[in-house]
């Protein structure tokens, strides 16, 4: 099992459950390239581990995930790079979660918006605090968009 403890993701094994904890609480666990890569790698490792029977994704601090890290997108822009490849990696991660052979559960608290909500919606199940920042109207709108984005054309 990889150790991402110095970086952006904590990986903990709790019996048969691999817990993936987004660990950028000072940024509301916003997605940057390092976090997306760490999540994808950790999910692959969990799928290869015969002792792991399920994956739980949650966030450290007050939020589950506030979507893409706007500072990361700005940094890309400042060096003349398009954000599209990064956003495609986020979509790829969402699809990886969706097709994982393991059951994947999202434990939501605080903010769960944009890419964070899309990751949660890709999970097999979602458990959420009642005081989370994800209005049902927003969840329906994002779910509709996510369905549009994932339908074959």
Foldseek 3Di string as FASTA:
>chain_A
DDACPVHQWGWDDDFQEIEIEGRPQVQLSADAPVSLVVLVVVLVVSLPDPRHQEYEQAYPHQWRYQYHRVVRCVVCVVVPHHCVVVVVSLVVSLVCQLPRPHQYEYETGAEQDDSSLSSRVSGPYYHYDPPHPQDPVRSVVVVVVSVVVPDDD
